[in-house]
Protein backbone atom coordinates (compact mmCIF):
# COMPACT_ATOMS: atom_id res chain seq x y z
CA MET A 1 98.42 -125.15 -70.87
CA SER A 2 102.01 -125.16 -72.21
CA ASP A 3 102.80 -125.19 -75.92
CA SER A 4 103.97 -128.79 -75.57
CA GLU A 5 100.70 -129.84 -73.91
CA THR A 6 98.66 -127.99 -76.55
CA ASN A 7 100.64 -129.60 -79.36
CA MET A 8 100.18 -133.04 -77.82
CA ALA A 9 96.41 -132.54 -77.37
CA ASN A 10 96.06 -131.36 -80.99
CA ALA A 11 98.19 -134.28 -82.23
CA LEU A 12 96.12 -136.78 -80.26
CA GLU A 13 92.93 -135.42 -81.81
CA THR A 14 94.49 -135.59 -85.29
CA LEU A 15 95.73 -139.14 -84.78
CA GLN A 16 92.43 -140.37 -83.38
CA GLY A 17 90.79 -139.01 -86.53
CA ARG A 18 93.19 -141.15 -88.60
CA ILE A 19 92.43 -144.45 -86.84
CA GLY A 20 91.71 -147.09 -89.45
CA GLU A 21 93.64 -145.28 -92.18
CA SER A 22 96.37 -147.18 -94.00
CA SER A 23 99.57 -145.80 -95.46
CA PRO A 24 100.34 -146.38 -99.11
CA PRO A 25 102.72 -149.32 -99.52
CA THR A 26 106.44 -148.75 -99.45
CA ASP A 27 108.52 -149.41 -102.54
CA TRP A 28 109.47 -153.01 -103.25
CA TYR A 29 112.75 -153.98 -101.59
CA GLU A 30 114.80 -157.04 -102.59
CA ILE A 31 116.10 -159.34 -99.87
CA THR A 32 119.56 -160.39 -101.05
CA GLN A 33 121.85 -163.12 -99.76
CA ASP A 34 124.37 -160.42 -98.81
CA ARG A 35 121.72 -158.69 -96.62
CA ILE A 36 120.89 -162.04 -94.98
CA ASN A 37 124.59 -162.80 -94.39
CA ASP A 38 125.20 -159.34 -92.91
CA PHE A 39 122.25 -159.81 -90.56
CA ALA A 40 123.55 -163.26 -89.57
CA ASP A 41 126.92 -161.71 -88.73
CA ALA A 42 125.32 -158.90 -86.71
CA THR A 43 123.07 -161.23 -84.71
CA LEU A 44 125.32 -164.31 -84.55
CA ASP A 45 122.48 -166.37 -86.08
CA HIS A 46 124.20 -168.42 -88.77
CA GLN A 47 121.59 -171.19 -89.04
CA TRP A 48 122.04 -173.02 -92.34
CA ILE A 49 118.54 -172.22 -93.64
CA HIS A 50 119.73 -168.60 -93.87
CA VAL A 51 123.41 -168.71 -94.86
CA ASP A 52 124.29 -172.10 -96.41
CA VAL A 53 123.00 -171.63 -99.96
CA GLU A 54 123.66 -175.19 -101.19
CA ARG A 55 122.27 -176.93 -98.11
CA ALA A 56 119.23 -174.61 -98.05
CA LYS A 57 118.34 -175.62 -101.64
CA ALA A 58 117.68 -179.13 -100.29
CA GLY A 59 115.97 -177.81 -97.16
CA PRO A 60 112.29 -177.29 -96.39
CA PHE A 61 112.02 -173.98 -98.29
CA GLY A 62 114.06 -174.85 -101.40
CA ALA A 63 116.32 -171.82 -100.96
CA PRO A 64 117.85 -169.73 -98.19
CA ILE A 65 115.30 -167.62 -96.32
CA ALA A 66 115.61 -164.33 -94.47
CA HIS A 67 115.60 -164.36 -90.70
CA GLY A 68 112.18 -163.38 -89.38
CA GLN A 69 113.95 -160.85 -87.19
CA LEU A 70 115.63 -159.33 -90.27
CA THR A 71 112.27 -158.69 -91.91
CA LEU A 72 110.89 -157.36 -88.62
CA SER A 73 113.92 -155.06 -88.20
CA ILE A 74 113.68 -153.42 -91.61
CA MET A 75 109.91 -153.32 -92.14
CA SER A 76 109.51 -149.80 -90.78
CA HIS A 77 112.50 -148.48 -92.70
CA LEU A 78 111.75 -149.61 -96.24
CA PRO A 79 112.15 -146.90 -98.89
CA ARG A 80 109.11 -144.92 -99.97
CA THR A 81 108.65 -142.76 -103.07
CA VAL A 82 104.99 -141.98 -102.30
CA PRO A 83 104.77 -139.82 -99.16
CA VAL A 84 102.54 -140.88 -96.28
CA PRO A 85 99.39 -138.72 -96.39
CA GLY A 86 98.52 -136.33 -93.59
CA ALA A 87 100.15 -133.29 -92.12
CA ALA A 88 103.11 -133.52 -89.79
CA LEU A 89 102.24 -133.30 -86.11
CA GLU A 90 103.11 -129.84 -84.83
CA GLY A 91 105.61 -129.84 -82.01
CA GLN A 92 106.61 -133.49 -82.29
CA LYS A 93 110.26 -133.76 -81.30
CA LEU A 94 110.77 -137.46 -82.04
CA GLY A 95 109.23 -140.87 -82.19
CA ILE A 96 110.60 -143.92 -80.42
CA ASN A 97 110.05 -147.64 -80.90
CA TYR A 98 108.19 -148.89 -77.84
CA GLY A 99 107.89 -152.54 -78.87
CA PHE A 100 105.27 -154.93 -80.19
CA ASP A 101 102.01 -156.32 -78.86
CA LYS A 102 101.95 -159.19 -81.35
CA VAL A 103 104.24 -160.46 -84.10
CA ARG A 104 103.64 -163.33 -86.50
CA PHE A 105 105.70 -164.71 -89.42
CA PRO A 106 103.08 -166.50 -91.56
CA SER A 107 105.31 -167.01 -94.62
CA PRO A 108 109.09 -167.30 -95.17
CA VAL A 109 110.98 -164.75 -97.29
CA PRO A 110 113.22 -166.55 -99.79
CA VAL A 111 116.43 -164.93 -100.94
CA GLY A 112 115.73 -162.75 -103.97
CA ALA A 113 112.13 -162.02 -102.93
CA ARG A 114 110.88 -158.46 -102.95
CA ILE A 115 108.92 -157.20 -99.96
CA ARG A 116 106.95 -154.08 -99.10
CA THR A 117 105.08 -152.78 -96.09
CA THR A 118 101.73 -151.17 -95.34
CA SER A 119 100.72 -149.77 -91.99
CA THR A 120 97.28 -149.14 -90.50
CA LEU A 121 96.81 -146.92 -87.44
CA LYS A 122 94.78 -148.85 -84.86
CA ARG A 123 95.14 -146.85 -81.65
CA ALA A 124 96.41 -143.51 -80.28
CA GLU A 125 96.36 -142.56 -76.60
CA VAL A 126 98.36 -140.63 -74.03
CA LYS A 127 100.72 -142.80 -71.98
CA GLY A 128 103.73 -141.80 -69.92
CA GLY A 129 103.54 -138.14 -70.99
CA MET A 130 103.72 -139.14 -74.67
CA ILE A 131 101.29 -140.28 -77.33
CA GLU A 132 101.42 -144.02 -77.83
CA VAL A 133 100.34 -145.25 -81.25
CA MET A 134 99.71 -148.83 -82.29
CA ASN A 135 99.99 -149.64 -85.98
CA GLU A 136 99.24 -152.96 -87.60
CA ILE A 137 102.07 -153.51 -90.04
CA LYS A 138 101.88 -156.06 -92.82
CA VAL A 139 104.84 -157.07 -94.92
CA GLU A 140 103.96 -158.71 -98.19
CA ILE A 141 106.04 -160.66 -100.67
CA GLU A 142 105.64 -159.74 -104.31
CA GLY A 143 103.46 -162.31 -106.08
CA GLN A 144 102.14 -163.95 -102.90
CA ASP A 145 98.80 -163.52 -101.15
CA LYS A 146 100.05 -164.53 -97.69
CA PRO A 147 102.05 -161.86 -95.83
CA CYS A 148 105.45 -162.69 -94.37
CA VAL A 149 105.01 -160.50 -91.27
CA VAL A 150 101.97 -159.19 -89.42
CA ALA A 151 102.85 -157.11 -86.37
CA GLU A 152 101.21 -154.74 -83.91
CA SER A 153 103.93 -152.12 -83.56
CA LEU A 154 103.97 -149.62 -80.70
CA GLY A 155 105.56 -146.20 -80.95
CA ARG A 156 105.72 -143.29 -78.57
CA LEU A 157 105.62 -139.72 -79.86
CA VAL A 158 107.43 -137.09 -77.81
CA PHE A 159 106.29 -133.44 -77.78
C-alpha cells in the first residue's frame, strides 16, 4: 500500500469516528449593506429587496436582506477564533467543494444582522479516489431561534 493509500485509509477511519460531532460555532459576522451590494455587483442580482434600501424598508422584510446565495457562499469561510477540535489528517493535500445535497433558506438575513455557522459531520466515505465528507451546516442569526441556512455540504479530500 502506498503512503497516500495508507494516509487515506487512516483518515477515513478517523473521520468515521467523528461522525455526529459538531464544530464549535464560528465568530459572529455582520452582514453589511456594502457586502450585499458587492455581492449584487458580482452576481448581477440587483433585486430591490437586496440593494434598494428605501424601497426595501416598505417591502415584506422591513429592510434589505442578504441574498441567500451570499450567505451560502460565505458560510464555510466565516472567521473562527476557537480552533476546530481534532488532529489534522496526515497526508491531506487539499479539500475541494463538491457541492450540496440539500440547501434551505428558512429565514431571511436582514442587513446589519450577525450570523455564525456550526457544522456537523454526517458521512465520510471513499469516492473517486478521494474521501467524500458530508457536513450539515447551519447558519444562525444572532437573537433568532430559526436558522437562515441549513445545508448538506459535500467536500472531497485529496491525499
